[in-house]
PDB file of N, CA and C in Angstrom:
ATOM      1  N   MET A   1      20.285   2.526 -54.266  1.00  0.00           N
ATOM      2  CA  MET A   1      20.795   1.256 -53.793  1.00  0.00           C
ATOM      3  C   MET A   1      21.147   1.387 -52.320  1.00  0.00           C
ATOM      4  N   LYS A   2      20.631   0.491 -51.511  1.00  0.00           N
ATOM      5  CA  LYS A   2      20.914   0.506 -50.085  1.00  0.00           C
ATOM      6  C   LYS A   2      22.179  -0.302 -49.795  1.00  0.00           C
ATOM      7  N   ALA A   3      22.926   0.164 -48.807  1.00  0.00           N
ATOM      8  CA  ALA A   3      24.133  -0.553 -48.402  1.00  0.00           C
ATOM      9  C   ALA A   3      23.759  -1.799 -47.611  1.00  0.00           C
ATOM     10  N   LEU A   4      24.536  -2.856 -47.774  1.00  0.00           N
ATOM     11  CA  LEU A   4      24.335  -4.063 -46.980  1.00  0.00           C
ATOM     12  C   LEU A   4      24.876  -3.831 -45.587  1.00  0.00           C
ATOM     13  N   ARG A   5      24.255  -4.497 -44.596  1.00  0.00           N
ATOM     14  CA  ARG A   5      24.642  -4.272 -43.209  1.00  0.00           C
ATOM     15  C   ARG A   5      24.982  -5.586 -42.528  1.00  0.00           C
ATOM     16  N   LYS A   6      25.882  -5.500 -41.611  1.00  0.00           N
ATOM     17  CA  LYS A   6      26.181  -6.545 -40.645  1.00  0.00           C
ATOM     18  C   LYS A   6      26.341  -7.927 -41.276  1.00  0.00           C
ATOM     19  N   ILE A   7      27.315  -8.061 -42.148  1.00  0.00           N
ATOM     20  CA  ILE A   7      27.639  -9.344 -42.763  1.00  0.00           C
ATOM     21  C   ILE A   7      28.691 -10.021 -41.878  1.00  0.00           C
ATOM     22  N   PRO A   8      28.446 -11.265 -41.451  1.00  0.00           N
ATOM     23  CA  PRO A   8      29.403 -11.939 -40.555  1.00  0.00           C
ATOM     24  C   PRO A   8      30.728 -12.230 -41.272  1.00  0.00           C
ATOM     25  N   LEU A   9      31.805 -11.634 -40.784  1.00  0.00           N
ATOM     26  CA  LEU A   9      33.108 -11.760 -41.439  1.00  0.00           C
ATOM     27  C   LEU A   9      33.687 -13.167 -41.354  1.00  0.00           C
ATOM     28  N   GLU A  10      33.496 -13.829 -40.231  1.00  0.00           N
ATOM     29  CA  GLU A  10      34.103 -15.159 -40.079  1.00  0.00           C
ATOM     30  C   GLU A  10      33.647 -16.094 -41.188  1.00  0.00           C
ATOM     31  N   GLY A  11      32.344 -16.155 -41.432  1.00  0.00           N
ATOM     32  CA  GLY A  11      31.822 -17.019 -42.489  1.00  0.00           C
ATOM     33  C   GLY A  11      32.258 -16.573 -43.864  1.00  0.00           C
ATOM     34  N   LEU A  12      32.218 -15.259 -44.111  1.00  0.00           N
ATOM     35  CA  LEU A  12      32.619 -14.718 -45.408  1.00  0.00           C
ATOM     36  C   LEU A  12      34.083 -15.010 -45.698  1.00  0.00           C
ATOM     37  N   ILE A  13      34.949 -14.775 -44.734  1.00  0.00           N
ATOM     38  CA  ILE A  13      36.382 -15.020 -44.923  1.00  0.00           C
ATOM     39  C   ILE A  13      36.646 -16.502 -45.156  1.00  0.00           C
ATOM     40  N   GLN A  14      35.948 -17.368 -44.426  1.00  0.00           N
ATOM     41  CA  GLN A  14      36.135 -18.807 -44.601  1.00  0.00           C
ATOM     42  C   GLN A  14      35.705 -19.245 -46.001  1.00  0.00           C
ATOM     43  N   ILE A  15      34.569 -18.732 -46.460  1.00  0.00           N
ATOM     44  CA  ILE A  15      34.096 -19.073 -47.797  1.00  0.00           C
ATOM     45  C   ILE A  15      35.080 -18.580 -48.856  1.00  0.00           C
ATOM     46  N   LEU A  16      35.552 -17.336 -48.723  1.00  0.00           N
ATOM     47  CA  LEU A  16      36.509 -16.803 -49.689  1.00  0.00           C
ATOM     48  C   LEU A  16      37.813 -17.595 -49.686  1.00  0.00           C
ATOM     49  N   THR A  17      38.265 -17.989 -48.506  1.00  0.00           N
ATOM     50  CA  THR A  17      39.477 -18.803 -48.396  1.00  0.00           C
ATOM     51  C   THR A  17      39.279 -20.156 -49.080  1.00  0.00           C
ATOM     52  N   ASP A  18      38.137 -20.801 -48.804  1.00  0.00           N
ATOM     53  CA  ASP A  18      37.849 -22.094 -49.429  1.00  0.00           C
ATOM     54  C   ASP A  18      37.787 -21.967 -50.948  1.00  0.00           C
ATOM     55  N   LEU A  19      37.145 -20.916 -51.443  1.00  0.00           N
ATOM     56  CA  LEU A  19      37.062 -20.719 -52.885  1.00  0.00           C
ATOM     57  C   LEU A  19      38.447 -20.504 -53.492  1.00  0.00           C
ATOM     58  N   PHE A  20      39.270 -19.700 -52.840  1.00  0.00           N
ATOM     59  CA  PHE A  20      40.625 -19.444 -53.330  1.00  0.00           C
ATOM     60  C   PHE A  20      41.444 -20.733 -53.362  1.00  0.00           C
ATOM     61  N   GLU A  21      41.347 -21.518 -52.291  1.00  0.00           N
ATOM     62  CA  GLU A  21      42.099 -22.774 -52.219  1.00  0.00           C
ATOM     63  C   GLU A  21      41.586 -23.796 -53.230  1.00  0.00           C
ATOM     64  N   THR A  22      40.334 -23.669 -53.657  1.00  0.00           N
ATOM     65  CA  THR A  22      39.760 -24.564 -54.651  1.00  0.00           C
ATOM     66  C   THR A  22      40.140 -24.137 -56.066  1.00  0.00           C
ATOM     67  N   GLY A  23      40.706 -22.945 -56.214  1.00  0.00           N
ATOM     68  CA  GLY A  23      41.185 -22.503 -57.520  1.00  0.00           C
ATOM     69  C   GLY A  23      40.497 -21.287 -58.091  1.00  0.00           C
ATOM     70  N   ALA A  24      39.635 -20.624 -57.319  1.00  0.00           N
ATOM     71  CA  ALA A  24      38.962 -19.426 -57.813  1.00  0.00           C
ATOM     72  C   ALA A  24      39.942 -18.259 -57.844  1.00  0.00           C
ATOM     73  N   ASP A  25      40.031 -17.611 -58.995  1.00  0.00           N
ATOM     74  CA  ASP A  25      40.873 -16.424 -59.129  1.00  0.00           C
ATOM     75  C   ASP A  25      40.046 -15.147 -59.035  1.00  0.00           C
ATOM     76  N   PHE A  26      38.744 -15.234 -59.356  1.00  0.00           N
ATOM     77  CA  PHE A  26      37.834 -14.095 -59.323  1.00  0.00           C
ATOM     78  C   PHE A  26      36.472 -14.555 -58.817  1.00  0.00           C
ATOM     79  N   ILE A  27      35.677 -13.600 -58.319  1.00  0.00           N
ATOM     80  CA  ILE A  27      34.305 -13.880 -57.907  1.00  0.00           C
ATOM     81  C   ILE A  27      33.423 -12.710 -58.308  1.00  0.00           C
ATOM     82  N   ASP A  28      32.122 -12.969 -58.419  1.00  0.00           N
ATOM     83  CA  ASP A  28      31.121 -11.917 -58.552  1.00  0.00           C
ATOM     84  C   ASP A  28      30.374 -11.863 -57.229  1.00  0.00           C
ATOM     85  N   ILE A  29      30.142 -10.664 -56.698  1.00  0.00           N
ATOM     86  CA  ILE A  29      29.400 -10.503 -55.447  1.00  0.00           C
ATOM     87  C   ILE A  29      28.197  -9.611 -55.720  1.00  0.00           C
ATOM     88  N   SER A  30      27.031 -10.056 -55.263  1.00  0.00           N
ATOM     89  CA  SER A  30      25.837  -9.215 -55.304  1.00  0.00           C
ATOM     90  C   SER A  30      25.156  -9.333 -53.952  1.00  0.00           C
ATOM     91  N   GLY A  31      24.292  -8.396 -53.655  1.00  0.00           N
ATOM     92  CA  GLY A  31      23.621  -8.433 -52.367  1.00  0.00           C
ATOM     93  C   GLY A  31      22.283  -7.737 -52.401  1.00  0.00           C
ATOM     94  N   VAL A  32      21.407  -8.163 -51.510  1.00  0.00           N
ATOM     95  CA  VAL A  32      20.087  -7.540 -51.373  1.00  0.00           C
ATOM     96  C   VAL A  32      19.722  -7.466 -49.901  1.00  0.00           C
ATOM     97  N   GLN A  33      18.874  -6.514 -49.593  1.00  0.00           N
ATOM     98  CA  GLN A  33      18.296  -6.437 -48.260  1.00  0.00           C
ATOM     99  C   GLN A  33      16.951  -7.137 -48.315  1.00  0.00           C
ATOM    100  N   ASP A  34      16.711  -8.026 -47.387  1.00  0.00           N
ATOM    101  CA  ASP A  34      15.483  -8.807 -47.354  1.00  0.00           C
ATOM    102  C   ASP A  34      14.793  -8.555 -46.023  1.00  0.00           C
ATOM    103  N   ASP A  35      13.648  -7.878 -46.062  1.00  0.00           N
ATOM    104  CA  ASP A  35      12.891  -7.614 -44.836  1.00  0.00           C
ATOM    105  C   ASP A  35      11.987  -8.801 -44.554  1.00  0.00           C
ATOM    106  N   ARG A  36      12.314  -9.529 -43.514  1.00  0.00           N
ATOM    107  CA  ARG A  36      11.554 -10.719 -43.137  1.00  0.00           C
ATOM    108  C   ARG A  36      10.721 -10.449 -41.900  1.00  0.00           C
ATOM    109  N   GLU A  37       9.882 -11.411 -41.540  1.00  0.00           N
ATOM    110  CA  GLU A  37       9.002 -11.264 -40.386  1.00  0.00           C
ATOM    111  C   GLU A  37       9.769 -10.955 -39.104  1.00  0.00           C
ATOM    112  N   ASN A  38      10.903 -11.614 -38.917  1.00  0.00           N
ATOM    113  CA  ASN A  38      11.682 -11.424 -37.699  1.00  0.00           C
ATOM    114  C   ASN A  38      12.737 -10.325 -37.834  1.00  0.00           C
ATOM    115  N   GLY A  39      12.635  -9.509 -38.869  1.00  0.00           N
ATOM    116  CA  GLY A  39      13.541  -8.378 -39.030  1.00  0.00           C
ATOM    117  C   GLY A  39      14.311  -8.456 -40.332  1.00  0.00           C
ATOM    118  N   PRO A  40      15.018  -7.375 -40.652  1.00  0.00           N
ATOM    119  CA  PRO A  40      15.763  -7.337 -41.914  1.00  0.00           C
ATOM    120  C   PRO A  40      16.978  -8.261 -41.887  1.00  0.00           C
ATOM    121  N   VAL A  41      17.239  -8.862 -43.028  1.00  0.00           N
ATOM    122  CA  VAL A  41      18.407  -9.730 -43.206  1.00  0.00           C
ATOM    123  C   VAL A  41      19.047  -9.345 -44.531  1.00  0.00           C
ATOM    124  N   ASP A  42      20.343  -9.168 -44.529  1.00  0.00           N
ATOM    125  CA  ASP A  42      21.070  -8.890 -45.761  1.00  0.00           C
ATOM    126  C   ASP A  42      21.610 -10.206 -46.306  1.00  0.00           C
ATOM    127  N   VAL A  43      21.502 -10.381 -47.622  1.00  0.00           N
ATOM    128  CA  VAL A  43      21.945 -11.617 -48.263  1.00  0.00           C
ATOM    129  C   VAL A  43      22.980 -11.258 -49.319  1.00  0.00           C
ATOM    130  N   ILE A  44      24.141 -11.897 -49.230  1.00  0.00           N
ATOM    131  CA  ILE A  44      25.196 -11.734 -50.231  1.00  0.00           C
ATOM    132  C   ILE A  44      25.242 -13.017 -51.046  1.00  0.00           C
ATOM    133  N   THR A  45      25.320 -12.871 -52.361  1.00  0.00           N
ATOM    134  CA  THR A  45      25.505 -14.018 -53.242  1.00  0.00           C
ATOM    135  C   THR A  45      26.882 -13.905 -53.871  1.00  0.00           C
ATOM    136  N   ILE A  46      27.651 -14.971 -53.750  1.00  0.00           N
ATOM    137  CA  ILE A  46      28.975 -15.041 -54.359  1.00  0.00           C
ATOM    138  C   ILE A  46      28.891 -16.079 -55.470  1.00  0.00           C
ATOM    139  N   THR A  47      29.240 -15.661 -56.685  1.00  0.00           N
ATOM    140  CA  THR A  47      29.210 -16.564 -57.825  1.00  0.00           C
ATOM    141  C   THR A  47      30.612 -16.692 -58.396  1.00  0.00           C
ATOM    142  N   VAL A  48      31.004 -17.927 -58.668  1.00  0.00           N
ATOM    143  CA  VAL A  48      32.288 -18.205 -59.301  1.00  0.00           C
ATOM    144  C   VAL A  48      31.989 -18.916 -60.623  1.00  0.00           C
ATOM    145  N   LYS A  49      32.235 -18.237 -61.719  1.00  0.00           N
ATOM    146  CA  LYS A  49      31.987 -18.817 -63.039  1.00  0.00           C
ATOM    147  C   LYS A  49      33.179 -19.685 -63.447  1.00  0.00           C
ATOM    148  N   PRO A  50      32.952 -20.640 -64.350  1.00  0.00           N
ATOM    149  CA  PRO A  50      34.052 -21.523 -64.765  1.00  0.00           C
ATOM    150  C   PRO A  50      35.289 -20.769 -65.246  1.00  0.00           C
ATOM    151  N   GLU A  51      35.073 -19.661 -65.960  1.00  0.00           N
ATOM    152  CA  GLU A  51      36.234 -18.916 -66.461  1.00  0.00           C
ATOM    153  C   GLU A  51      36.993 -18.182 -65.359  1.00  0.00           C
ATOM    154  N   TYR A  52      36.425 -18.116 -64.150  1.00  0.00           N
ATOM    155  CA  TYR A  52      37.106 -17.496 -63.013  1.00  0.00           C
ATOM    156  C   TYR A  52      38.018 -18.480 -62.288  1.00  0.00           C
ATOM    157  N   MET A  53      37.945 -19.754 -62.663  1.00  0.00           N
ATOM    158  CA  MET A  53      38.720 -20.790 -61.989  1.00  0.00           C
ATOM    159  C   MET A  53      40.050 -21.006 -62.701  1.00  0.00           C
ATOM    160  N   SER A  54      41.066 -21.340 -61.919  1.00  0.00           N
ATOM    161  CA  SER A  54      42.377 -21.617 -62.494  1.00  0.00           C
ATOM    162  C   SER A  54      42.301 -22.739 -63.521  1.00  0.00           C
ATOM    163  N   ASP A  55      41.491 -23.783 -63.215  1.00  0.00           N
ATOM    164  CA  ASP A  55      41.360 -24.896 -64.149  1.00  0.00           C
ATOM    165  C   ASP A  55      40.142 -24.756 -65.059  1.00  0.00           C
ATOM    166  N   GLY A  56      39.289 -23.723 -64.834  1.00  0.00           N
ATOM    167  CA  GLY A  56      38.156 -23.425 -65.680  1.00  0.00           C
ATOM    168  C   GLY A  56      37.037 -24.450 -65.680  1.00  0.00           C
ATOM    169  N   GLU A  57      36.891 -25.246 -64.613  1.00  0.00           N
ATOM    170  CA  GLU A  57      35.919 -26.331 -64.632  1.00  0.00           C
ATOM    171  C   GLU A  57      34.751 -26.200 -63.665  1.00  0.00           C
ATOM    172  N   MET A  58      34.738 -25.281 -62.738  1.00  0.00           N
ATOM    173  CA  MET A  58      33.748 -25.304 -61.675  1.00  0.00           C
ATOM    174  C   MET A  58      32.934 -24.021 -61.653  1.00  0.00           C
ATOM    175  N   GLU A  59      31.611 -24.143 -61.410  1.00  0.00           N
ATOM    176  CA  GLU A  59      30.766 -22.978 -61.170  1.00  0.00           C
ATOM    177  C   GLU A  59      30.099 -23.156 -59.815  1.00  0.00           C
ATOM    178  N   ILE A  60      30.221 -22.139 -58.948  1.00  0.00           N
ATOM    179  CA  ILE A  60      29.720 -22.197 -57.579  1.00  0.00           C
ATOM    180  C   ILE A  60      28.899 -20.947 -57.319  1.00  0.00           C
ATOM    181  N   GLU A  61      27.802 -21.101 -56.596  1.00  0.00           N
ATOM    182  CA  GLU A  61      27.051 -19.948 -56.122  1.00  0.00           C
ATOM    183  C   GLU A  61      26.736 -20.174 -54.657  1.00  0.00           C
ATOM    184  N   VAL A  62      27.107 -19.215 -53.821  1.00  0.00           N
ATOM    185  CA  VAL A  62      26.928 -19.319 -52.377  1.00  0.00           C
ATOM    186  C   VAL A  62      26.155 -18.105 -51.893  1.00  0.00           C
ATOM    187  N   ASP A  63      25.130 -18.325 -51.092  1.00  0.00           N
ATOM    188  CA  ASP A  63      24.392 -17.225 -50.473  1.00  0.00           C
ATOM    189  C   ASP A  63      24.827 -17.101 -49.022  1.00  0.00           C
ATOM    190  N   ILE A  64      25.071 -15.882 -48.592  1.00  0.00           N
ATOM    191  CA  ILE A  64      25.429 -15.608 -47.204  1.00  0.00           C
ATOM    192  C   ILE A  64      24.386 -14.674 -46.633  1.00  0.00           C
ATOM    193  N   GLU A  65      23.752 -15.073 -45.557  1.00  0.00           N
ATOM    194  CA  GLU A  65      22.772 -14.216 -44.906  1.00  0.00           C
ATOM    195  C   GLU A  65      23.383 -13.622 -43.651  1.00  0.00           C
ATOM    196  N   GLY A  66      23.136 -12.335 -43.430  1.00  0.00           N
ATOM    197  CA  GLY A  66      23.600 -11.675 -42.222  1.00  0.00           C
ATOM    198  C   GLY A  66      23.001 -12.318 -40.989  1.00  0.00           C
ATOM    199  N   GLU A  67      23.634 -12.157 -39.859  1.00  0.00           N
ATOM    200  CA  GLU A  67      23.170 -12.653 -38.567  1.00  0.00           C
ATOM    201  C   GLU A  67      23.384 -14.137 -38.362  1.00  0.00           C
ATOM    202  N   ARG A  68      23.879 -14.860 -39.361  1.00  0.00           N
ATOM    203  CA  ARG A  68      24.066 -16.285 -39.180  1.00  0.00           C
ATOM    204  C   ARG A  68      25.401 -16.681 -39.820  1.00  0.00           C
ATOM    205  N   PRO A  69      26.413 -17.026 -39.014  1.00  0.00           N
ATOM    206  CA  PRO A  69      27.707 -17.409 -39.581  1.00  0.00           C
ATOM    207  C   PRO A  69      27.574 -18.650 -40.461  1.00  0.00           C
ATOM    208  N   ILE A  70      28.305 -18.664 -41.562  1.00  0.00           N
ATOM    209  CA  ILE A  70      28.266 -19.784 -42.488  1.00  0.00           C
ATOM    210  C   ILE A  70      29.684 -20.302 -42.673  1.00  0.00           C
ATOM    211  N   SER A  71      29.821 -21.603 -42.649  1.00  0.00           N
ATOM    212  CA  SER A  71      31.109 -22.214 -42.881  1.00  0.00           C
ATOM    213  C   SER A  71      30.921 -23.368 -43.850  1.00  0.00           C
ATOM    214  N   LEU A  72      31.686 -23.384 -44.926  1.00  0.00           N
ATOM    215  CA  LEU A  72      31.608 -24.464 -45.898  1.00  0.00           C
ATOM    216  C   LEU A  72      32.885 -25.274 -45.861  1.00  0.00           C
ATOM    217  N   SER A  73      32.732 -26.585 -45.774  1.00  0.00           N
ATOM    218  CA  SER A  73      33.887 -27.462 -45.843  1.00  0.00           C
ATOM    219  C   SER A  73      34.197 -27.728 -47.315  1.00  0.00           C
ATOM    220  N   GLU A  74      35.301 -28.385 -47.576  1.00  0.00           N
ATOM    221  CA  GLU A  74      35.645 -28.741 -48.952  1.00  0.00           C
ATOM    222  C   GLU A  74      34.573 -29.679 -49.519  1.00  0.00           C
ATOM    223  N   GLU A  75      34.029 -30.545 -48.669  1.00  0.00           N
ATOM    224  CA  GLU A  75      32.951 -31.447 -49.093  1.00  0.00           C
ATOM    225  C   GLU A  75      31.716 -30.644 -49.511  1.00  0.00           C
ATOM    226  N   ASP A  76      31.381 -29.574 -48.737  1.00  0.00           N
ATOM    227  CA  ASP A  76      30.257 -28.715 -49.091  1.00  0.00           C
ATOM    228  C   ASP A  76      30.460 -28.098 -50.464  1.00  0.00           C
ATOM    229  N   LEU A  77      31.668 -27.607 -50.731  1.00  0.00           N
ATOM    230  CA  LEU A  77      31.961 -27.001 -52.029  1.00  0.00           C
ATOM    231  C   LEU A  77      31.844 -28.026 -53.142  1.00  0.00           C
ATOM    232  N   ASN A  78      32.319 -29.248 -52.900  1.00  0.00           N
ATOM    233  CA  ASN A  78      32.221 -30.296 -53.918  1.00  0.00           C
ATOM    234  C   ASN A  78      30.762 -30.651 -54.188  1.00  0.00           C
ATOM    235  N   ASN A  79      29.912 -30.601 -53.169  1.00  0.00           N
ATOM    236  CA  ASN A  79      28.496 -30.897 -53.350  1.00  0.00           C
ATOM    237  C   ASN A  79      27.785 -29.827 -54.146  1.00  0.00           C
ATOM    238  N   LEU A  80      28.327 -28.608 -54.190  1.00  0.00           N
ATOM    239  CA  LEU A  80      27.735 -27.532 -54.970  1.00  0.00           C
ATOM    240  C   LEU A  80      27.944 -27.698 -56.459  1.00  0.00           C
ATOM    241  N   ILE A  81      28.907 -28.507 -56.829  1.00  0.00           N
ATOM    242  CA  ILE A  81      29.262 -28.685 -58.241  1.00  0.00           C
ATOM    243  C   ILE A  81      28.205 -29.515 -58.946  1.00  0.00           C
TER     244      ILE A  81
END
């Protein structure tokens, strides 16, 4: 298994904060290295299952790609539902 590299913290922290504020108590994280034409990109997938939520009602899956900061608003999270 190869280690993931250069994941942008600002986007990751914002996503984790948004998930926590939305009621997520736990998350699943997986990642892969993806060699693309313009170079390697690491992708992290964060999954929140309904049983991980305080109210048990929402399932969310977010992909984070290295080299590109990601920010999700509360509206973005609601659109994922």
